[in-house]
Protein backbone atom coordinates (compact mmCIF):
# COMPACT_ATOMS: atom_id res chain seq x y z
CA UNK A 1 0.00 0.00 0.00
CA UNK A 2 1.26 3.50 -0.84
CA UNK A 3 0.43 6.61 1.15
CA UNK A 4 0.29 10.04 -0.48
CA UNK A 5 0.14 13.43 1.17
CA UNK A 6 -2.35 16.15 0.20
CA UNK A 7 -0.13 17.07 -2.77
CA UNK A 8 -0.07 13.52 -4.13
CA UNK A 9 3.56 12.89 -3.13
CA UNK A 10 4.42 9.43 -1.77
CA UNK A 11 5.12 9.50 1.94
CA UNK A 12 5.63 7.12 4.84
CA UNK A 13 3.58 9.33 7.16
CA UNK A 14 -0.15 8.65 7.17
CA UNK A 15 -1.27 11.43 9.49
CA UNK A 16 -1.32 15.21 9.36
CA UNK A 17 -0.55 17.39 12.38
CA UNK A 18 -3.55 18.68 14.28
CA UNK A 19 -3.47 22.28 15.52
CA UNK A 20 -3.02 22.46 19.27
CA UNK A 21 -4.67 25.87 19.60
CA UNK A 22 -6.93 28.11 17.56
CA UNK A 23 -8.66 31.43 17.83
CA UNK A 24 -11.36 33.00 15.70
CA UNK A 25 -12.01 36.73 15.54
CA UNK A 26 -14.56 37.92 13.01
CA UNK A 27 -13.76 36.28 9.67
CA UNK A 28 -10.19 35.32 10.63
CA UNK A 29 -9.12 32.07 12.29
CA UNK A 30 -5.59 31.34 13.51
CA UNK A 31 -4.33 27.75 13.95
CA UNK A 32 -1.23 27.08 16.06
CA UNK A 33 0.91 23.98 15.51
CA UNK A 34 3.13 23.92 18.61
CA UNK A 35 2.83 22.86 22.22
CA UNK A 36 4.74 25.64 23.96
CA UNK A 37 3.40 29.18 23.47
CA UNK A 38 6.75 30.64 24.56
CA UNK A 39 8.51 29.10 21.52
CA UNK A 40 8.04 29.88 17.80
CA UNK A 41 5.61 27.64 15.94
CA UNK A 42 3.90 27.29 12.58
CA UNK A 43 0.75 29.44 12.56
CA UNK A 44 -1.89 29.30 9.84
CA UNK A 45 -4.19 32.25 9.19
CA UNK A 46 -7.51 31.51 7.48
CA UNK A 47 -9.55 34.45 6.24
CA UNK A 48 -13.09 33.89 5.00
CA UNK A 49 -14.67 36.11 2.37
CA UNK A 50 -18.04 36.16 0.66
CA UNK A 51 -16.53 34.25 -2.30
CA UNK A 52 -14.34 31.74 -0.42
CA UNK A 53 -11.20 32.44 1.54
CA UNK A 54 -7.44 32.26 1.88
CA UNK A 55 -5.04 30.23 4.00
CA UNK A 56 -1.55 31.53 4.74
CA UNK A 57 1.23 30.53 7.15
CA UNK A 58 3.93 32.14 9.25
CA UNK A 59 6.56 31.14 11.81
CA UNK A 60 6.56 32.95 15.12
CA UNK A 61 5.18 33.28 18.62
CA UNK A 62 1.49 32.64 19.20
CA UNK A 63 1.21 35.97 21.04
CA UNK A 64 2.41 37.77 17.86
CA UNK A 65 -0.01 36.02 15.47
CA UNK A 66 -1.82 39.28 14.55
CA UNK A 67 1.38 41.00 13.38
CA UNK A 68 3.38 38.18 11.73
CA UNK A 69 4.26 38.29 8.03
CA UNK A 70 2.19 35.54 6.38
CA UNK A 71 2.81 33.80 3.06
CA UNK A 72 1.09 31.18 0.93
CA UNK A 73 0.76 27.69 2.44
CA UNK A 74 1.94 26.38 -0.94
CA UNK A 75 5.42 27.86 -0.46
CA UNK A 76 8.31 26.86 1.77
CA UNK A 77 9.53 29.14 4.50
CA UNK A 78 12.90 29.38 6.22
CA UNK A 79 13.22 29.59 9.98
CA UNK A 80 16.19 30.62 12.08
CA UNK A 81 15.78 27.52 14.27
PDB file of N, CA and C in Angstrom:
ATOM      1  N   UNK A   1       0.840  -1.172   0.000  1.00  0.00           N
ATOM      2  CA  UNK A   1       0.000   0.000   0.000  1.00  0.00           C
ATOM      3  C   UNK A   1       0.886   1.237   0.000  1.00  0.00           C
ATOM      4  N   UNK A   2       0.522   2.244  -0.789  1.00  0.00           N
ATOM      5  CA  UNK A   2       1.258   3.500  -0.843  1.00  0.00           C
ATOM      6  C   UNK A   2       0.425   4.601  -0.203  1.00  0.00           C
ATOM      7  N   UNK A   3       1.097   5.458   0.550  1.00  0.00           N
ATOM      8  CA  UNK A   3       0.433   6.613   1.145  1.00  0.00           C
ATOM      9  C   UNK A   3       0.888   7.860   0.412  1.00  0.00           C
ATOM     10  N   UNK A   4      -0.031   8.776   0.182  1.00  0.00           N
ATOM     11  CA  UNK A   4       0.292  10.039  -0.478  1.00  0.00           C
ATOM     12  C   UNK A   4      -0.218  11.188   0.373  1.00  0.00           C
ATOM     13  N   UNK A   5       0.574  12.265   0.409  1.00  0.00           N
ATOM     14  CA  UNK A   5       0.138  13.433   1.173  1.00  0.00           C
ATOM     15  C   UNK A   5      -0.883  14.229   0.367  1.00  0.00           C
ATOM     16  N   UNK A   6      -1.294  15.366   0.874  1.00  0.00           N
ATOM     17  CA  UNK A   6      -2.346  16.147   0.200  1.00  0.00           C
ATOM     18  C   UNK A   6      -1.918  16.698  -1.148  1.00  0.00           C
ATOM     19  N   UNK A   7      -0.606  16.612  -1.468  1.00  0.00           N
ATOM     20  CA  UNK A   7      -0.128  17.073  -2.765  1.00  0.00           C
ATOM     21  C   UNK A   7       0.078  15.920  -3.735  1.00  0.00           C
ATOM     22  N   UNK A   8      -0.222  14.689  -3.284  1.00  0.00           N
ATOM     23  CA  UNK A   8      -0.069  13.524  -4.134  1.00  0.00           C
ATOM     24  C   UNK A   8       1.320  12.902  -4.106  1.00  0.00           C
ATOM     25  N   UNK A   9       2.192  13.398  -3.233  1.00  0.00           N
ATOM     26  CA  UNK A   9       3.555  12.889  -3.133  1.00  0.00           C
ATOM     27  C   UNK A   9       3.581  11.682  -2.198  1.00  0.00           C
ATOM     28  N   UNK A  10       4.300  10.621  -2.616  1.00  0.00           N
ATOM     29  CA  UNK A  10       4.416   9.433  -1.774  1.00  0.00           C
ATOM     30  C   UNK A  10       5.076   9.781  -0.457  1.00  0.00           C
ATOM     31  N   UNK A  11       4.576   9.221   0.616  1.00  0.00           N
ATOM     32  CA  UNK A  11       5.115   9.496   1.939  1.00  0.00           C
ATOM     33  C   UNK A  11       4.979   8.265   2.820  1.00  0.00           C
ATOM     34  N   UNK A  12       5.757   8.209   3.879  1.00  0.00           N
ATOM     35  CA  UNK A  12       5.627   7.118   4.838  1.00  0.00           C
ATOM     36  C   UNK A  12       4.754   7.537   6.011  1.00  0.00           C
ATOM     37  N   UNK A  13       4.404   8.806   6.071  1.00  0.00           N
ATOM     38  CA  UNK A  13       3.578   9.333   7.160  1.00  0.00           C
ATOM     39  C   UNK A  13       2.122   9.308   6.726  1.00  0.00           C
ATOM     40  N   UNK A  14       1.253   8.754   7.564  1.00  0.00           N
ATOM     41  CA  UNK A  14      -0.147   8.655   7.170  1.00  0.00           C
ATOM     42  C   UNK A  14      -1.040   9.629   7.929  1.00  0.00           C
ATOM     43  N   UNK A  15      -0.447  10.477   8.755  1.00  0.00           N
ATOM     44  CA  UNK A  15      -1.266  11.433   9.494  1.00  0.00           C
ATOM     45  C   UNK A  15      -0.779  12.859   9.251  1.00  0.00           C
ATOM     46  N   UNK A  16      -1.648  13.798   9.477  1.00  0.00           N
ATOM     47  CA  UNK A  16      -1.324  15.211   9.361  1.00  0.00           C
ATOM     48  C   UNK A  16      -1.353  15.802  10.762  1.00  0.00           C
ATOM     49  N   UNK A  17      -0.505  16.788  11.042  1.00  0.00           N
ATOM     50  CA  UNK A  17      -0.547  17.394  12.375  1.00  0.00           C
ATOM     51  C   UNK A  17      -1.883  18.076  12.632  1.00  0.00           C
ATOM     52  N   UNK A  18      -2.297  18.035  13.863  1.00  0.00           N
ATOM     53  CA  UNK A  18      -3.548  18.682  14.277  1.00  0.00           C
ATOM     54  C   UNK A  18      -3.178  19.930  15.063  1.00  0.00           C
ATOM     55  N   UNK A  19      -3.814  21.063  14.770  1.00  0.00           N
ATOM     56  CA  UNK A  19      -3.472  22.276  15.522  1.00  0.00           C
ATOM     57  C   UNK A  19      -3.768  22.090  17.008  1.00  0.00           C
ATOM     58  N   UNK A  20      -2.855  22.598  17.828  1.00  0.00           N
ATOM     59  CA  UNK A  20      -3.018  22.462  19.269  1.00  0.00           C
ATOM     60  C   UNK A  20      -3.745  23.642  19.883  1.00  0.00           C
ATOM     61  N   UNK A  21      -3.898  24.711  19.117  1.00  0.00           N
ATOM     62  CA  UNK A  21      -4.666  25.870  19.596  1.00  0.00           C
ATOM     63  C   UNK A  21      -5.248  26.593  18.395  1.00  0.00           C
ATOM     64  N   UNK A  22      -6.321  27.301  18.619  1.00  0.00           N
ATOM     65  CA  UNK A  22      -6.931  28.110  17.563  1.00  0.00           C
ATOM     66  C   UNK A  22      -7.698  29.251  18.187  1.00  0.00           C
ATOM     67  N   UNK A  23      -7.892  30.257  17.394  1.00  0.00           N
ATOM     68  CA  UNK A  23      -8.656  31.426  17.834  1.00  0.00           C
ATOM     69  C   UNK A  23      -9.339  32.025  16.618  1.00  0.00           C
ATOM     70  N   UNK A  24     -10.610  32.372  16.776  1.00  0.00           N
ATOM     71  CA  UNK A  24     -11.356  33.004  15.705  1.00  0.00           C
ATOM     72  C   UNK A  24     -11.798  34.387  16.161  1.00  0.00           C
ATOM     73  N   UNK A  25     -11.582  35.357  15.295  1.00  0.00           N
ATOM     74  CA  UNK A  25     -12.005  36.732  15.543  1.00  0.00           C
ATOM     75  C   UNK A  25     -12.598  37.270  14.249  1.00  0.00           C
ATOM     76  N   UNK A  26     -13.903  37.472  14.239  1.00  0.00           N
ATOM     77  CA  UNK A  26     -14.560  37.925  13.011  1.00  0.00           C
ATOM     78  C   UNK A  26     -14.452  36.859  11.941  1.00  0.00           C
ATOM     79  N   UNK A  27     -13.890  37.226  10.783  1.00  0.00           N
ATOM     80  CA  UNK A  27     -13.762  36.280   9.672  1.00  0.00           C
ATOM     81  C   UNK A  27     -12.369  35.673   9.576  1.00  0.00           C
ATOM     82  N   UNK A  28     -11.551  35.843  10.624  1.00  0.00           N
ATOM     83  CA  UNK A  28     -10.186  35.315  10.625  1.00  0.00           C
ATOM     84  C   UNK A  28     -10.016  34.270  11.720  1.00  0.00           C
ATOM     85  N   UNK A  29      -9.440  33.126  11.332  1.00  0.00           N
ATOM     86  CA  UNK A  29      -9.121  32.065  12.291  1.00  0.00           C
ATOM     87  C   UNK A  29      -7.632  31.792  12.227  1.00  0.00           C
ATOM     88  N   UNK A  30      -7.001  31.700  13.394  1.00  0.00           N
ATOM     89  CA  UNK A  30      -5.589  31.342  13.509  1.00  0.00           C
ATOM     90  C   UNK A  30      -5.488  29.929  14.065  1.00  0.00           C
ATOM     91  N   UNK A  31      -4.594  29.110  13.480  1.00  0.00           N
ATOM     92  CA  UNK A  31      -4.332  27.752  13.945  1.00  0.00           C
ATOM     93  C   UNK A  31      -2.869  27.665  14.355  1.00  0.00           C
ATOM     94  N   UNK A  32      -2.594  27.202  15.572  1.00  0.00           N
ATOM     95  CA  UNK A  32      -1.227  27.082  16.060  1.00  0.00           C
ATOM     96  C   UNK A  32      -0.778  25.642  16.146  1.00  0.00           C
ATOM     97  N   UNK A  33       0.370  25.342  15.519  1.00  0.00           N
ATOM     98  CA  UNK A  33       0.914  23.981  15.506  1.00  0.00           C
ATOM     99  C   UNK A  33       2.174  23.943  16.367  1.00  0.00           C
ATOM    100  N   UNK A  34       2.004  23.979  17.683  1.00  0.00           N
ATOM    101  CA  UNK A  34       3.126  23.920  18.610  1.00  0.00           C
ATOM    102  C   UNK A  34       2.608  23.827  20.022  1.00  0.00           C
ATOM    103  N   UNK A  35       3.314  23.089  20.877  1.00  0.00           N
ATOM    104  CA  UNK A  35       2.828  22.856  22.219  1.00  0.00           C
ATOM    105  C   UNK A  35       3.170  23.933  23.230  1.00  0.00           C
ATOM    106  N   UNK A  36       4.255  24.671  22.992  1.00  0.00           N
ATOM    107  CA  UNK A  36       4.738  25.641  23.965  1.00  0.00           C
ATOM    108  C   UNK A  36       4.567  27.049  23.401  1.00  0.00           C
ATOM    109  N   UNK A  37       3.677  27.827  23.978  1.00  0.00           N
ATOM    110  CA  UNK A  37       3.401  29.181  23.474  1.00  0.00           C
ATOM    111  C   UNK A  37       4.592  30.124  23.595  1.00  0.00           C
ATOM    112  N   UNK A  38       5.586  29.768  24.403  1.00  0.00           N
ATOM    113  CA  UNK A  38       6.748  30.638  24.565  1.00  0.00           C
ATOM    114  C   UNK A  38       7.801  30.400  23.480  1.00  0.00           C
ATOM    115  N   UNK A  39       7.575  29.411  22.604  1.00  0.00           N
ATOM    116  CA  UNK A  39       8.513  29.101  21.523  1.00  0.00           C
ATOM    117  C   UNK A  39       7.839  29.325  20.174  1.00  0.00           C
ATOM    118  N   UNK A  40       8.623  29.701  19.137  1.00  0.00           N
ATOM    119  CA  UNK A  40       8.035  29.882  17.799  1.00  0.00           C
ATOM    120  C   UNK A  40       7.382  28.602  17.297  1.00  0.00           C
ATOM    121  N   UNK A  41       6.350  28.768  16.499  1.00  0.00           N
ATOM    122  CA  UNK A  41       5.607  27.642  15.942  1.00  0.00           C
ATOM    123  C   UNK A  41       5.058  28.021  14.570  1.00  0.00           C
ATOM    124  N   UNK A  42       4.605  27.038  13.832  1.00  0.00           N
ATOM    125  CA  UNK A  42       3.896  27.293  12.576  1.00  0.00           C
ATOM    126  C   UNK A  42       2.487  27.769  12.925  1.00  0.00           C
ATOM    127  N   UNK A  43       2.086  28.880  12.324  1.00  0.00           N
ATOM    128  CA  UNK A  43       0.753  29.439  12.555  1.00  0.00           C
ATOM    129  C   UNK A  43       0.086  29.640  11.208  1.00  0.00           C
ATOM    130  N   UNK A  44      -1.110  29.111  11.063  1.00  0.00           N
ATOM    131  CA  UNK A  44      -1.893  29.302   9.837  1.00  0.00           C
ATOM    132  C   UNK A  44      -2.972  30.338  10.099  1.00  0.00           C
ATOM    133  N   UNK A  45      -3.176  31.192   9.118  1.00  0.00           N
ATOM    134  CA  UNK A  45      -4.190  32.245   9.193  1.00  0.00           C
ATOM    135  C   UNK A  45      -5.199  31.989   8.080  1.00  0.00           C
ATOM    136  N   UNK A  46      -6.447  31.780   8.455  1.00  0.00           N
ATOM    137  CA  UNK A  46      -7.505  31.512   7.485  1.00  0.00           C
ATOM    138  C   UNK A  46      -8.462  32.698   7.505  1.00  0.00           C
ATOM    139  N   UNK A  47      -8.634  33.324   6.348  1.00  0.00           N
ATOM    140  CA  UNK A  47      -9.553  34.455   6.237  1.00  0.00           C
ATOM    141  C   UNK A  47     -10.693  34.084   5.301  1.00  0.00           C
ATOM    142  N   UNK A  48     -11.910  34.199   5.799  1.00  0.00           N
ATOM    143  CA  UNK A  48     -13.090  33.886   4.999  1.00  0.00           C
ATOM    144  C   UNK A  48     -13.618  35.159   4.346  1.00  0.00           C
ATOM    145  N   UNK A  49     -14.051  35.009   3.090  1.00  0.00           N
ATOM    146  CA  UNK A  49     -14.670  36.112   2.367  1.00  0.00           C
ATOM    147  C   UNK A  49     -16.008  35.646   1.830  1.00  0.00           C
ATOM    148  N   UNK A  50     -16.732  36.531   1.207  1.00  0.00           N
ATOM    149  CA  UNK A  50     -18.041  36.159   0.660  1.00  0.00           C
ATOM    150  C   UNK A  50     -17.913  35.203  -0.522  1.00  0.00           C
ATOM    151  N   UNK A  51     -16.717  35.122  -1.130  1.00  0.00           N
ATOM    152  CA  UNK A  51     -16.529  34.253  -2.296  1.00  0.00           C
ATOM    153  C   UNK A  51     -15.610  33.068  -2.010  1.00  0.00           C
ATOM    154  N   UNK A  52     -15.241  32.850  -0.765  1.00  0.00           N
ATOM    155  CA  UNK A  52     -14.342  31.744  -0.421  1.00  0.00           C
ATOM    156  C   UNK A  52     -13.435  32.131   0.714  1.00  0.00           C
ATOM    157  N   UNK A  53     -12.130  32.061   0.489  1.00  0.00           N
ATOM    158  CA  UNK A  53     -11.204  32.437   1.539  1.00  0.00           C
ATOM    159  C   UNK A  53      -9.769  32.164   1.158  1.00  0.00           C
ATOM    160  N   UNK A  54      -8.864  32.487   2.089  1.00  0.00           N
ATOM    161  CA  UNK A  54      -7.437  32.261   1.884  1.00  0.00           C
ATOM    162  C   UNK A  54      -6.861  31.572   3.113  1.00  0.00           C
ATOM    163  N   UNK A  55      -5.762  30.863   2.900  1.00  0.00           N
ATOM    164  CA  UNK A  55      -5.037  30.234   4.004  1.00  0.00           C
ATOM    165  C   UNK A  55      -3.568  30.538   3.796  1.00  0.00           C
ATOM    166  N   UNK A  56      -2.958  31.162   4.800  1.00  0.00           N
ATOM    167  CA  UNK A  56      -1.548  31.526   4.744  1.00  0.00           C
ATOM    168  C   UNK A  56      -0.857  31.006   5.996  1.00  0.00           C
ATOM    169  N   UNK A  57       0.490  31.019   5.995  1.00  0.00           N
ATOM    170  CA  UNK A  57       1.230  30.525   7.149  1.00  0.00           C
ATOM    171  C   UNK A  57       2.362  31.478   7.503  1.00  0.00           C
ATOM    172  N   UNK A  58       2.791  31.373   8.755  1.00  0.00           N
ATOM    173  CA  UNK A  58       3.934  32.139   9.247  1.00  0.00           C
ATOM    174  C   UNK A  58       4.615  31.330  10.337  1.00  0.00           C
ATOM    175  N   UNK A  59       5.810  31.757  10.726  1.00  0.00           N
ATOM    176  CA  UNK A  59       6.564  31.136  11.806  1.00  0.00           C
ATOM    177  C   UNK A  59       6.792  32.200  12.854  1.00  0.00           C
ATOM    178  N   UNK A  60       6.355  31.966  14.079  1.00  0.00           N
ATOM    179  CA  UNK A  60       6.558  32.951  15.122  1.00  0.00           C
ATOM    180  C   UNK A  60       5.861  32.564  16.406  1.00  0.00           C
ATOM    181  N   UNK A  61       5.822  33.508  17.327  1.00  0.00           N
ATOM    182  CA  UNK A  61       5.178  33.280  18.615  1.00  0.00           C
ATOM    183  C   UNK A  61       3.670  33.419  18.493  1.00  0.00           C
ATOM    184  N   UNK A  62       2.946  32.593  19.216  1.00  0.00           N
ATOM    185  CA  UNK A  62       1.485  32.637  19.202  1.00  0.00           C
ATOM    186  C   UNK A  62       0.980  34.024  19.609  1.00  0.00           C
ATOM    187  N   UNK A  63       1.631  34.645  20.563  1.00  0.00           N
ATOM    188  CA  UNK A  63       1.210  35.971  21.038  1.00  0.00           C
ATOM    189  C   UNK A  63       1.338  37.038  19.955  1.00  0.00           C
ATOM    190  N   UNK A  64       2.195  36.805  18.938  1.00  0.00           N
ATOM    191  CA  UNK A  64       2.412  37.771  17.857  1.00  0.00           C
ATOM    192  C   UNK A  64       1.612  37.457  16.600  1.00  0.00           C
ATOM    193  N   UNK A  65       0.688  36.519  16.667  1.00  0.00           N
ATOM    194  CA  UNK A  65      -0.008  36.025  15.470  1.00  0.00           C
ATOM    195  C   UNK A  65      -0.680  37.120  14.647  1.00  0.00           C
ATOM    196  N   UNK A  66      -1.150  38.194  15.282  1.00  0.00           N
ATOM    197  CA  UNK A  66      -1.820  39.276  14.546  1.00  0.00           C
ATOM    198  C   UNK A  66      -0.858  40.100  13.701  1.00  0.00           C
ATOM    199  N   UNK A  67       0.428  40.114  14.054  1.00  0.00           N
ATOM    200  CA  UNK A  67       1.382  41.004  13.385  1.00  0.00           C
ATOM    201  C   UNK A  67       2.453  40.274  12.585  1.00  0.00           C
ATOM    202  N   UNK A  68       2.383  38.947  12.489  1.00  0.00           N
ATOM    203  CA  UNK A  68       3.379  38.183  11.730  1.00  0.00           C
ATOM    204  C   UNK A  68       3.215  38.428  10.231  1.00  0.00           C
ATOM    205  N   UNK A  69       4.291  38.167   9.490  1.00  0.00           N
ATOM    206  CA  UNK A  69       4.258  38.286   8.032  1.00  0.00           C
ATOM    207  C   UNK A  69       3.890  36.917   7.455  1.00  0.00           C
ATOM    208  N   UNK A  70       2.704  36.808   6.897  1.00  0.00           N
ATOM    209  CA  UNK A  70       2.186  35.539   6.384  1.00  0.00           C
ATOM    210  C   UNK A  70       2.491  35.382   4.907  1.00  0.00           C
ATOM    211  N   UNK A  71       2.587  34.122   4.467  1.00  0.00           N
ATOM    212  CA  UNK A  71       2.807  33.802   3.060  1.00  0.00           C
ATOM    213  C   UNK A  71       1.966  32.583   2.691  1.00  0.00           C
ATOM    214  N   UNK A  72       1.902  32.281   1.423  1.00  0.00           N
ATOM    215  CA  UNK A  72       1.091  31.175   0.927  1.00  0.00           C
ATOM    216  C   UNK A  72       1.466  29.854   1.577  1.00  0.00           C
ATOM    217  N   UNK A  73       0.474  29.029   1.886  1.00  0.00           N
ATOM    218  CA  UNK A  73       0.758  27.693   2.438  1.00  0.00           C
ATOM    219  C   UNK A  73       1.373  26.785   1.392  1.00  0.00           C
ATOM    220  N   UNK A  74       1.355  27.190   0.132  1.00  0.00           N
ATOM    221  CA  UNK A  74       1.943  26.381  -0.939  1.00  0.00           C
ATOM    222  C   UNK A  74       3.404  26.698  -1.184  1.00  0.00           C
ATOM    223  N   UNK A  75       4.003  27.544  -0.338  1.00  0.00           N
ATOM    224  CA  UNK A  75       5.418  27.855  -0.465  1.00  0.00           C
ATOM    225  C   UNK A  75       6.163  27.357   0.763  1.00  0.00           C
ATOM    226  N   UNK A  76       7.476  27.246   0.635  1.00  0.00           N
ATOM    227  CA  UNK A  76       8.312  26.855   1.773  1.00  0.00           C
ATOM    228  C   UNK A  76       8.745  28.107   2.506  1.00  0.00           C
ATOM    229  N   UNK A  77       8.986  28.000   3.794  1.00  0.00           N
ATOM    230  CA  UNK A  77       9.530  29.135   4.503  1.00  0.00           C
ATOM    231  C   UNK A  77      10.735  28.702   5.322  1.00  0.00           C
ATOM    232  N   UNK A  78      11.642  29.646   5.529  1.00  0.00           N
ATOM    233  CA  UNK A  78      12.896  29.379   6.218  1.00  0.00           C
ATOM    234  C   UNK A  78      12.792  29.930   7.627  1.00  0.00           C
ATOM    235  N   UNK A  79      13.217  29.147   8.598  1.00  0.00           N
ATOM    236  CA  UNK A  79      13.218  29.593   9.982  1.00  0.00           C
ATOM    237  C   UNK A  79      14.653  29.716  10.464  1.00  0.00           C
ATOM    238  N   UNK A  80      14.849  30.464  11.511  1.00  0.00           N
ATOM    239  CA  UNK A  80      16.189  30.622  12.082  1.00  0.00           C
ATOM    240  C   UNK A  80      16.521  29.489  13.030  1.00  0.00           C
ATOM    241  N   UNK A  81      15.549  28.638  13.342  1.00  0.00           N
ATOM    242  CA  UNK A  81      15.777  27.520  14.272  1.00  0.00           C
ATOM    243  C   UNK A  81      15.924  26.234  13.519  1.00  0.00           C
TER     244      UNK A  81
END
